[in-house]
Amino acid sequence: MRRDDDFGTVLRSLRHRLTPREAGVPASLPAVRRVPGLRRDELAGVAGVSEEHLKRLEQGRRRPSPDVVDALARALRLTSHEHDRLRTLAGFAATPEPDGRVPREITEPARRMLDRLTEVAVCVCDATWTVLAANDLWHSDVCTVPERGRERNVVWRAFTETGPSVFRDPERLAGFRATVVAELRDAARRYPADAELSSMIGDLRARSPEFTLLWDAPPTPGGHADRLCVPSPVHGNLYLDLDVLTLNPGDLRVVVYTASA
């Protein structure tokens, strides 16, 4: 194992990535901080472990228990994929949903975000990128979400719809498709007993050669397409920037589009 890919090194880099404000703790004195993110004592306090134990974990002198890994993942606000990776580095299996099926209910934190972000287009998706709810601006400025059926699923629409794409740049469209396929593959691994997900994947493979090619290809690092162009009856063409937030528990994605500056 490379030194930059062991549990302690990855844990330390994740700690440096998160600010005290993001972790929900007051910044420690002094005002000028020696580390870019959380101090070790701050993470220890949020995770409920001793600072000395955390120090030994980061130095590779102690092996964590599964409960400690999960507590650190929650404190660090890790995505499901990052949580699974941290468990794997610690020598444990990733944690699928207890019944192996995708959670499809909006949690209270997600509902609050949807209710409060009224000036931007927002939708909430489950781990398979099926839209569970969207605000009025999403329906008016991005797309109308059908009441039911697979047309509510972003991946399904990305590979089965015809007509002009909201991604004016073909490279951005290709990047978007590769990213959502990778995330759908990750969801299939975490939720092996979800019949609806398995059925949709089978139908996508049957209908879309491009989906099949991406599904069978080795995973590659990527990110969400960061901009799209949508026709608006009020504003003409709207150029929107994209941000995606992952919420746990619930394994939800909060998708936010804001007008480009």
C-alpha atoms as a PDB file:
ATOM      1  CA  MET A   1       0.000   0.000   0.000  1.00  0.00           C
ATOM      2  CA  ARG A   2       1.318   3.414  -0.886  1.00  0.00           C
ATOM      3  CA  ARG A   3       2.088   5.684   2.031  1.00  0.00           C
ATOM      4  CA  ASP A   4      -0.332   8.296   0.662  1.00  0.00           C
ATOM      5  CA  ASP A   5      -3.129   5.721   0.525  1.00  0.00           C
ATOM      6  CA  ASP A   6      -3.040   4.240   4.031  1.00  0.00           C
ATOM      7  CA  PHE A   7      -5.732   4.808   6.630  1.00  0.00           C
ATOM      8  CA  GLY A   8      -3.807   7.310   8.739  1.00  0.00           C
ATOM      9  CA  THR A   9      -2.692   9.473   5.830  1.00  0.00           C
ATOM     10  CA  VAL A  10      -6.165   9.542   4.271  1.00  0.00           C
ATOM     11  CA  LEU A  11      -7.747  10.322   7.642  1.00  0.00           C
ATOM     12  CA  ARG A  12      -5.384  13.236   8.163  1.00  0.00           C
ATOM     13  CA  SER A  13      -6.062  14.626   4.675  1.00  0.00           C
ATOM     14  CA  LEU A  14      -9.822  14.403   5.293  1.00  0.00           C
ATOM     15  CA  ARG A  15      -9.404  16.249   8.591  1.00  0.00           C
ATOM     16  CA  HIS A  16      -7.443  19.009   6.866  1.00  0.00           C
ATOM     17  CA  ARG A  17     -10.186  19.317   4.238  1.00  0.00           C
ATOM     18  CA  LEU A  18     -13.010  20.139   6.668  1.00  0.00           C
ATOM     19  CA  THR A  19     -13.265  23.547   8.340  1.00  0.00           C
ATOM     20  CA  PRO A  20     -14.506  24.007  11.925  1.00  0.00           C
ATOM     21  CA  ARG A  21     -17.579  25.789  10.597  1.00  0.00           C
ATOM     22  CA  GLU A  22     -18.440  22.892   8.270  1.00  0.00           C
ATOM     23  CA  ALA A  23     -18.020  20.470  11.178  1.00  0.00           C
ATOM     24  CA  GLY A  24     -20.282  22.554  13.401  1.00  0.00           C
ATOM     25  CA  VAL A  25     -17.676  23.430  16.028  1.00  0.00           C
ATOM     26  CA  PRO A  26     -16.289  26.844  17.025  1.00  0.00           C
ATOM     27  CA  ALA A  27     -12.832  27.538  15.628  1.00  0.00           C
ATOM     28  CA  SER A  28     -10.074  26.954  18.157  1.00  0.00           C
ATOM     29  CA  LEU A  29      -7.623  29.634  19.142  1.00  0.00           C
ATOM     30  CA  PRO A  30      -5.267  31.001  17.972  1.00  0.00           C
ATOM     31  CA  ALA A  31      -6.933  32.909  15.152  1.00  0.00           C
ATOM     32  CA  VAL A  32      -4.022  32.094  12.803  1.00  0.00           C
ATOM     33  CA  ARG A  33      -4.262  28.322  12.397  1.00  0.00           C
ATOM     34  CA  ARG A  34      -1.378  26.014  11.548  1.00  0.00           C
ATOM     35  CA  VAL A  35      -3.595  23.540   9.696  1.00  0.00           C
ATOM     36  CA  PRO A  36      -5.991  24.312   6.822  1.00  0.00           C
ATOM     37  CA  GLY A  37      -8.908  22.407   8.336  1.00  0.00           C
ATOM     38  CA  LEU A  38      -9.863  20.817  11.639  1.00  0.00           C
ATOM     39  CA  ARG A  39      -7.369  20.514  14.460  1.00  0.00           C
ATOM     40  CA  ARG A  40      -6.925  17.024  15.833  1.00  0.00           C
ATOM     41  CA  ASP A  41      -8.602  17.925  19.132  1.00  0.00           C
ATOM     42  CA  GLU A  42     -11.586  19.384  17.254  1.00  0.00           C
ATOM     43  CA  LEU A  43     -12.167  16.198  15.253  1.00  0.00           C
ATOM     44  CA  ALA A  44     -11.681  14.070  18.359  1.00  0.00           C
ATOM     45  CA  GLY A  45     -14.343  16.072  20.175  1.00  0.00           C
ATOM     46  CA  VAL A  46     -16.884  15.819  17.357  1.00  0.00           C
ATOM     47  CA  ALA A  47     -16.250  12.100  16.772  1.00  0.00           C
ATOM     48  CA  GLY A  48     -16.260  11.218  20.476  1.00  0.00           C
ATOM     49  CA  VAL A  49     -12.771   9.682  20.598  1.00  0.00           C
ATOM     50  CA  SER A  50      -9.713  10.710  22.564  1.00  0.00           C
ATOM     51  CA  GLU A  51      -7.178  13.009  20.941  1.00  0.00           C
ATOM     52  CA  GLU A  52      -4.396  10.554  21.775  1.00  0.00           C
ATOM     53  CA  HIS A  53      -6.252   7.697  20.092  1.00  0.00           C
ATOM     54  CA  LEU A  54      -6.837   9.847  17.005  1.00  0.00           C
ATOM     55  CA  LYS A  55      -3.152  10.784  16.932  1.00  0.00           C
ATOM     56  CA  ARG A  56      -2.133   7.128  16.968  1.00  0.00           C
ATOM     57  CA  LEU A  57      -4.627   6.323  14.218  1.00  0.00           C
ATOM     58  CA  GLU A  58      -3.177   9.032  11.985  1.00  0.00           C
ATOM     59  CA  GLN A  59       0.351   7.802  12.714  1.00  0.00           C
ATOM     60  CA  GLY A  60      -0.563   4.212  11.893  1.00  0.00           C
ATOM     61  CA  ARG A  61       0.158   3.018  15.438  1.00  0.00           C
ATOM     62  CA  ARG A  62      -3.379   1.901  16.245  1.00  0.00           C
ATOM     63  CA  ARG A  63      -6.068  -0.008  14.333  1.00  0.00           C
ATOM     64  CA  PRO A  64      -9.560   1.505  14.597  1.00  0.00           C
ATOM     65  CA  SER A  65     -12.711  -0.405  15.404  1.00  0.00           C
ATOM     66  CA  PRO A  66     -15.623  -0.295  12.925  1.00  0.00           C
ATOM     67  CA  ASP A  67     -17.571   1.950  15.306  1.00  0.00           C
ATOM     68  CA  VAL A  68     -14.697   4.446  15.453  1.00  0.00           C
ATOM     69  CA  VAL A  69     -14.398   4.493  11.647  1.00  0.00           C
ATOM     70  CA  ASP A  70     -18.128   5.179  11.342  1.00  0.00           C
ATOM     71  CA  ALA A  71     -17.970   7.923  13.994  1.00  0.00           C
ATOM     72  CA  LEU A  72     -15.067   9.589  12.180  1.00  0.00           C
ATOM     73  CA  ALA A  73     -16.943   9.360   8.862  1.00  0.00           C
ATOM     74  CA  ARG A  74     -19.960  11.102  10.380  1.00  0.00           C
ATOM     75  CA  ALA A  75     -17.813  13.785  11.996  1.00  0.00           C
ATOM     76  CA  LEU A  76     -15.956  14.413   8.729  1.00  0.00           C
ATOM     77  CA  ARG A  77     -19.227  14.664   6.737  1.00  0.00           C
ATOM     78  CA  LEU A  78     -18.062  11.973   4.324  1.00  0.00           C
ATOM     79  CA  THR A  79     -20.083  10.855   1.328  1.00  0.00           C
ATOM     80  CA  SER A  80     -21.145   7.209   1.173  1.00  0.00           C
ATOM     81  CA  HIS A  81     -18.317   6.477  -1.253  1.00  0.00           C
ATOM     82  CA  GLU A  82     -15.739   8.148   1.004  1.00  0.00           C
ATOM     83  CA  HIS A  83     -17.146   6.340   4.045  1.00  0.00           C
ATOM     84  CA  ASP A  84     -16.837   3.006   2.270  1.00  0.00           C
ATOM     85  CA  ARG A  85     -13.274   3.803   1.237  1.00  0.00           C
ATOM     86  CA  LEU A  86     -12.311   4.681   4.807  1.00  0.00           C
ATOM     87  CA  ARG A  87     -13.773   1.398   6.057  1.00  0.00           C
ATOM     88  CA  THR A  88     -11.896  -0.499   3.355  1.00  0.00           C
ATOM     89  CA  LEU A  89      -8.599   1.163   4.266  1.00  0.00           C
ATOM     90  CA  ALA A  90      -9.218   0.192   7.894  1.00  0.00           C
ATOM     91  CA  GLY A  91      -9.707  -3.424   6.846  1.00  0.00           C
ATOM     92  CA  PHE A  92     -13.496  -3.620   7.057  1.00  0.00           C
ATOM     93  CA  ALA A  93     -16.188  -4.245   4.476  1.00  0.00           C
ATOM     94  CA  ALA A  94     -18.278  -1.390   3.142  1.00  0.00           C
ATOM     95  CA  THR A  95     -21.651  -1.019   4.800  1.00  0.00           C
ATOM     96  CA  PRO A  96     -24.660  -1.707   2.550  1.00  0.00           C
ATOM     97  CA  GLU A  97     -28.119  -0.646   3.604  1.00  0.00           C
ATOM     98  CA  PRO A  98     -29.386  -3.235   6.148  1.00  0.00           C
ATOM     99  CA  ASP A  99     -32.049  -4.640   3.795  1.00  0.00           C
ATOM    100  CA  GLY A 100     -30.015  -4.028   0.641  1.00  0.00           C
ATOM    101  CA  ARG A 101     -32.543  -1.601  -0.841  1.00  0.00           C
ATOM    102  CA  VAL A 102     -32.244   2.064  -1.783  1.00  0.00           C
ATOM    103  CA  PRO A 103     -33.705   4.537   0.755  1.00  0.00           C
ATOM    104  CA  ARG A 104     -36.369   6.514  -1.093  1.00  0.00           C
ATOM    105  CA  GLU A 105     -37.700   8.866   1.545  1.00  0.00           C
ATOM    106  CA  ILE A 106     -36.759  12.509   2.021  1.00  0.00           C
ATOM    107  CA  THR A 107     -35.166  13.065   5.408  1.00  0.00           C
ATOM    108  CA  GLU A 108     -36.004  16.067   7.549  1.00  0.00           C
ATOM    109  CA  PRO A 109     -32.637  17.807   6.848  1.00  0.00           C
ATOM    110  CA  ALA A 110     -33.234  17.434   3.102  1.00  0.00           C
ATOM    111  CA  ARG A 111     -36.766  18.764   3.454  1.00  0.00           C
ATOM    112  CA  ARG A 112     -35.488  21.799   5.357  1.00  0.00           C
ATOM    113  CA  MET A 113     -32.948  22.564   2.623  1.00  0.00           C
ATOM    114  CA  LEU A 114     -35.632  22.261  -0.039  1.00  0.00           C
ATOM    115  CA  ASP A 115     -37.941  24.590   1.886  1.00  0.00           C
ATOM    116  CA  ARG A 116     -35.293  27.222   2.618  1.00  0.00           C
ATOM    117  CA  LEU A 117     -33.520  27.426  -0.736  1.00  0.00           C
ATOM    118  CA  THR A 118     -36.354  29.214  -2.502  1.00  0.00           C
ATOM    119  CA  GLU A 119     -34.291  31.534  -4.704  1.00  0.00           C
ATOM    120  CA  VAL A 120     -32.389  28.806  -6.565  1.00  0.00           C
ATOM    121  CA  ALA A 121     -33.447  25.673  -8.439  1.00  0.00           C
ATOM    122  CA  VAL A 122     -33.180  22.652  -6.118  1.00  0.00           C
ATOM    123  CA  CYS A 123     -34.120  18.996  -6.284  1.00  0.00           C
ATOM    124  CA  VAL A 124     -33.509  16.045  -3.968  1.00  0.00           C
ATOM    125  CA  CYS A 125     -32.513  12.680  -5.465  1.00  0.00           C
ATOM    126  CA  ASP A 126     -31.988   9.254  -3.967  1.00  0.00           C
ATOM    127  CA  ALA A 127     -28.773   7.264  -4.445  1.00  0.00           C
ATOM    128  CA  THR A 128     -29.900   6.156  -7.933  1.00  0.00           C
ATOM    129  CA  TRP A 129     -30.526   9.750  -9.071  1.00  0.00           C
ATOM    130  CA  THR A 130     -34.302   9.422  -8.994  1.00  0.00           C
ATOM    131  CA  VAL A 131     -35.834  12.808  -8.193  1.00  0.00           C
ATOM    132  CA  LEU A 132     -37.853  12.587  -4.977  1.00  0.00           C
ATOM    133  CA  ALA A 133     -38.865  16.254  -4.782  1.00  0.00           C
ATOM    134  CA  ALA A 134     -38.087  19.580  -6.427  1.00  0.00           C
ATOM    135  CA  ASN A 135     -38.969  23.202  -5.798  1.00  0.00           C
ATOM    136  CA  ASP A 136     -40.906  25.505  -8.124  1.00  0.00           C
ATOM    137  CA  LEU A 137     -37.790  27.033  -9.697  1.00  0.00           C
ATOM    138  CA  TRP A 138     -36.543  23.585 -10.637  1.00  0.00           C
ATOM    139  CA  HIS A 139     -39.780  22.849 -12.469  1.00  0.00           C
ATOM    140  CA  SER A 140     -39.801  26.222 -14.235  1.00  0.00           C
ATOM    141  CA  ASP A 141     -36.098  26.729 -15.016  1.00  0.00           C
ATOM    142  CA  VAL A 142     -34.566  23.238 -15.296  1.00  0.00           C
ATOM    143  CA  CYS A 143     -37.201  20.651 -16.161  1.00  0.00           C
ATOM    144  CA  THR A 144     -40.643  19.464 -15.165  1.00  0.00           C
ATOM    145  CA  VAL A 145     -40.413  16.319 -13.046  1.00  0.00           C
ATOM    146  CA  PRO A 146     -42.999  13.654 -13.954  1.00  0.00           C
ATOM    147  CA  GLU A 147     -45.213  12.439 -11.130  1.00  0.00           C
ATOM    148  CA  ARG A 148     -44.047   8.841 -11.407  1.00  0.00           C
ATOM    149  CA  GLY A 149     -42.100   6.368 -13.503  1.00  0.00           C
ATOM    150  CA  ARG A 150     -38.534   6.103 -14.681  1.00  0.00           C
ATOM    151  CA  GLU A 151     -38.677   9.521 -16.288  1.00  0.00           C
ATOM    152  CA  ARG A 152     -38.035  10.822 -12.763  1.00  0.00           C
ATOM    153  CA  ASN A 153     -34.588   9.202 -12.902  1.00  0.00           C
ATOM    154  CA  VAL A 154     -31.774  11.434 -14.136  1.00  0.00           C
ATOM    155  CA  VAL A 155     -29.676   8.531 -15.462  1.00  0.00           C
ATOM    156  CA  TRP A 156     -32.597   7.028 -17.359  1.00  0.00           C
ATOM    157  CA  ARG A 157     -33.386  10.334 -19.047  1.00  0.00           C
ATOM    158  CA  ALA A 158     -29.718  10.975 -19.843  1.00  0.00           C
ATOM    159  CA  PHE A 159     -29.531   7.822 -21.981  1.00  0.00           C
ATOM    160  CA  THR A 160     -33.065   7.433 -23.361  1.00  0.00           C
ATOM    161  CA  GLU A 161     -34.274  10.941 -24.186  1.00  0.00           C
ATOM    162  CA  THR A 162     -33.845  12.349 -27.667  1.00  0.00           C
ATOM    163  CA  GLY A 163     -33.642  15.972 -28.688  1.00  0.00           C
ATOM    164  CA  PRO A 164     -31.222  18.777 -27.881  1.00  0.00           C
ATOM    165  CA  SER A 165     -29.084  18.373 -24.789  1.00  0.00           C
ATOM    166  CA  VAL A 166     -28.932  20.940 -21.996  1.00  0.00           C
ATOM    167  CA  PHE A 167     -25.162  20.501 -22.178  1.00  0.00           C
ATOM    168  CA  ARG A 168     -23.967  22.663 -25.051  1.00  0.00           C
ATOM    169  CA  ASP A 169     -20.440  21.257 -24.748  1.00  0.00           C
ATOM    170  CA  PRO A 170     -20.282  17.569 -25.850  1.00  0.00           C
ATOM    171  CA  GLU A 171     -17.395  16.967 -23.441  1.00  0.00           C
ATOM    172  CA  ARG A 172     -19.548  18.139 -20.534  1.00  0.00           C
ATOM    173  CA  LEU A 173     -22.370  15.849 -21.610  1.00  0.00           C
ATOM    174  CA  ALA A 174     -19.958  12.907 -21.857  1.00  0.00           C
ATOM    175  CA  GLY A 175     -18.503  13.736 -18.457  1.00  0.00           C
ATOM    176  CA  PHE A 176     -21.958  13.978 -16.921  1.00  0.00           C
ATOM    177  CA  ARG A 177     -22.998  10.603 -18.312  1.00  0.00           C
ATOM    178  CA  ALA A 178     -19.790   8.923 -17.142  1.00  0.00           C
ATOM    179  CA  THR A 179     -20.221  10.368 -13.660  1.00  0.00           C
ATOM    180  CA  VAL A 180     -23.836   9.306 -13.152  1.00  0.00           C
ATOM    181  CA  VAL A 181     -23.113   5.808 -14.482  1.00  0.00           C
ATOM    182  CA  ALA A 182     -20.248   5.475 -12.010  1.00  0.00           C
ATOM    183  CA  GLU A 183     -22.527   6.589  -9.179  1.00  0.00           C
ATOM    184  CA  LEU A 184     -25.273   4.212 -10.300  1.00  0.00           C
ATOM    185  CA  ARG A 185     -22.725   1.375 -10.309  1.00  0.00           C
ATOM    186  CA  ASP A 186     -21.699   2.360  -6.790  1.00  0.00           C
ATOM    187  CA  ALA A 187     -25.359   2.359  -5.710  1.00  0.00           C
ATOM    188  CA  ALA A 188     -25.855  -1.117  -7.193  1.00  0.00           C
ATOM    189  CA  ARG A 189     -22.941  -2.370  -5.107  1.00  0.00           C
ATOM    190  CA  ARG A 190     -24.333  -0.822  -1.920  1.00  0.00           C
ATOM    191  CA  TYR A 191     -27.925  -1.952  -2.527  1.00  0.00           C
ATOM    192  CA  PRO A 192     -27.657  -5.439  -4.062  1.00  0.00           C
ATOM    193  CA  ALA A 193     -31.218  -6.452  -3.108  1.00  0.00           C
ATOM    194  CA  ASP A 194     -32.987  -3.516  -4.764  1.00  0.00           C
ATOM    195  CA  ALA A 195     -35.102  -5.076  -7.514  1.00  0.00           C
ATOM    196  CA  GLU A 196     -36.174  -1.747  -9.022  1.00  0.00           C
ATOM    197  CA  LEU A 197     -32.557  -0.627  -9.412  1.00  0.00           C
ATOM    198  CA  SER A 198     -31.483  -3.954 -10.933  1.00  0.00           C
ATOM    199  CA  SER A 199     -34.378  -3.836 -13.399  1.00  0.00           C
ATOM    200  CA  MET A 200     -33.563  -0.296 -14.524  1.00  0.00           C
ATOM    201  CA  ILE A 201     -29.896  -1.162 -15.044  1.00  0.00           C
ATOM    202  CA  GLY A 202     -30.872  -4.174 -17.157  1.00  0.00           C
ATOM    203  CA  ASP A 203     -33.218  -2.084 -19.287  1.00  0.00           C
ATOM    204  CA  LEU A 204     -30.602   0.638 -19.750  1.00  0.00           C
ATOM    205  CA  ARG A 205     -28.065  -1.940 -20.910  1.00  0.00           C
ATOM    206  CA  ALA A 206     -30.608  -3.273 -23.402  1.00  0.00           C
ATOM    207  CA  ARG A 207     -31.546   0.162 -24.762  1.00  0.00           C
ATOM    208  CA  SER A 208     -28.308   2.130 -24.726  1.00  0.00           C
ATOM    209  CA  PRO A 209     -24.979   0.873 -26.111  1.00  0.00           C
ATOM    210  CA  GLU A 210     -23.284   3.953 -24.630  1.00  0.00           C
ATOM    211  CA  PHE A 211     -24.588   3.114 -21.160  1.00  0.00           C
ATOM    212  CA  THR A 212     -23.385  -0.479 -21.533  1.00  0.00           C
ATOM    213  CA  LEU A 213     -19.944   0.699 -22.615  1.00  0.00           C
ATOM    214  CA  LEU A 214     -19.639   3.030 -19.635  1.00  0.00           C
ATOM    215  CA  TRP A 215     -21.053   0.444 -17.238  1.00  0.00           C
ATOM    216  CA  ASP A 216     -18.523  -2.191 -18.299  1.00  0.00           C
ATOM    217  CA  ALA A 217     -15.563   0.212 -18.395  1.00  0.00           C
ATOM    218  CA  PRO A 218     -13.197   0.548 -15.408  1.00  0.00           C
ATOM    219  CA  PRO A 219     -14.216   3.410 -13.079  1.00  0.00           C
ATOM    220  CA  THR A 220     -12.400   6.671 -13.726  1.00  0.00           C
ATOM    221  CA  PRO A 221     -12.174   9.720 -11.468  1.00  0.00           C
ATOM    222  CA  GLY A 222     -14.640  12.406 -12.438  1.00  0.00           C
ATOM    223  CA  GLY A 223     -17.045  15.027 -11.241  1.00  0.00           C
ATOM    224  CA  HIS A 224     -20.428  16.400 -12.021  1.00  0.00           C
ATOM    225  CA  ALA A 225     -20.798  18.572 -15.081  1.00  0.00           C
ATOM    226  CA  ASP A 226     -20.645  22.045 -13.631  1.00  0.00           C
ATOM    227  CA  ARG A 227     -22.753  24.010 -16.118  1.00  0.00           C
ATOM    228  CA  LEU A 228     -25.711  23.539 -18.425  1.00  0.00           C
ATOM    229  CA  CYS A 229     -27.896  25.659 -20.675  1.00  0.00           C
ATOM    230  CA  VAL A 230     -31.683  25.383 -20.489  1.00  0.00           C
ATOM    231  CA  PRO A 231     -34.306  27.215 -22.562  1.00  0.00           C
ATOM    232  CA  SER A 232     -36.569  29.361 -20.397  1.00  0.00           C
ATOM    233  CA  PRO A 233     -39.878  30.842 -21.594  1.00  0.00           C
ATOM    234  CA  VAL A 234     -39.177  33.858 -19.380  1.00  0.00           C
ATOM    235  CA  HIS A 235     -35.409  34.394 -19.639  1.00  0.00           C
ATOM    236  CA  GLY A 236     -34.461  32.800 -22.953  1.00  0.00           C
ATOM    237  CA  ASN A 237     -31.395  30.572 -22.581  1.00  0.00           C
ATOM    238  CA  LEU A 238     -30.334  30.189 -18.941  1.00  0.00           C
ATOM    239  CA  TYR A 239     -26.764  29.184 -18.095  1.00  0.00           C
ATOM    240  CA  LEU A 240     -26.773  27.436 -14.726  1.00  0.00           C
ATOM    241  CA  ASP A 241     -23.964  26.306 -12.425  1.00  0.00           C
ATOM    242  CA  LEU A 242     -24.310  23.005 -10.587  1.00  0.00           C
ATOM    243  CA  ASP A 243     -23.522  21.959  -7.014  1.00  0.00           C
ATOM    244  CA  VAL A 244     -24.328  18.549  -5.523  1.00  0.00           C
ATOM    245  CA  LEU A 245     -24.471  17.911  -1.772  1.00  0.00           C
ATOM    246  CA  THR A 246     -24.655  14.417  -0.272  1.00  0.00           C
ATOM    247  CA  LEU A 247     -26.768  14.000   2.863  1.00  0.00           C
ATOM    248  CA  ASN A 248     -26.468  11.124   5.326  1.00  0.00           C
ATOM    249  CA  PRO A 249     -28.339   9.319   6.727  1.00  0.00           C
ATOM    250  CA  GLY A 250     -30.581   8.683   3.756  1.00  0.00           C
ATOM    251  CA  ASP A 251     -27.868   8.640   1.055  1.00  0.00           C
ATOM    252  CA  LEU A 252     -29.543  11.582  -0.685  1.00  0.00           C
ATOM    253  CA  ARG A 253     -28.236  14.091  -3.230  1.00  0.00           C
ATOM    254  CA  VAL A 254     -29.328  17.704  -3.019  1.00  0.00           C
ATOM    255  CA  VAL A 255     -28.818  19.215  -6.479  1.00  0.00           C
ATOM    256  CA  VAL A 256     -28.632  23.004  -6.661  1.00  0.00           C
ATOM    257  CA  TYR A 257     -28.530  25.054  -9.859  1.00  0.00           C
ATOM    258  CA  THR A 258     -27.745  28.758  -9.689  1.00  0.00           C
ATOM    259  CA  ALA A 259     -27.632  31.308 -12.491  1.00  0.00           C
ATOM    260  CA  SER A 260     -24.098  31.846 -13.783  1.00  0.00           C
ATOM    261  CA  ALA A 261     -22.550  35.219 -13.048  1.00  0.00           C
END
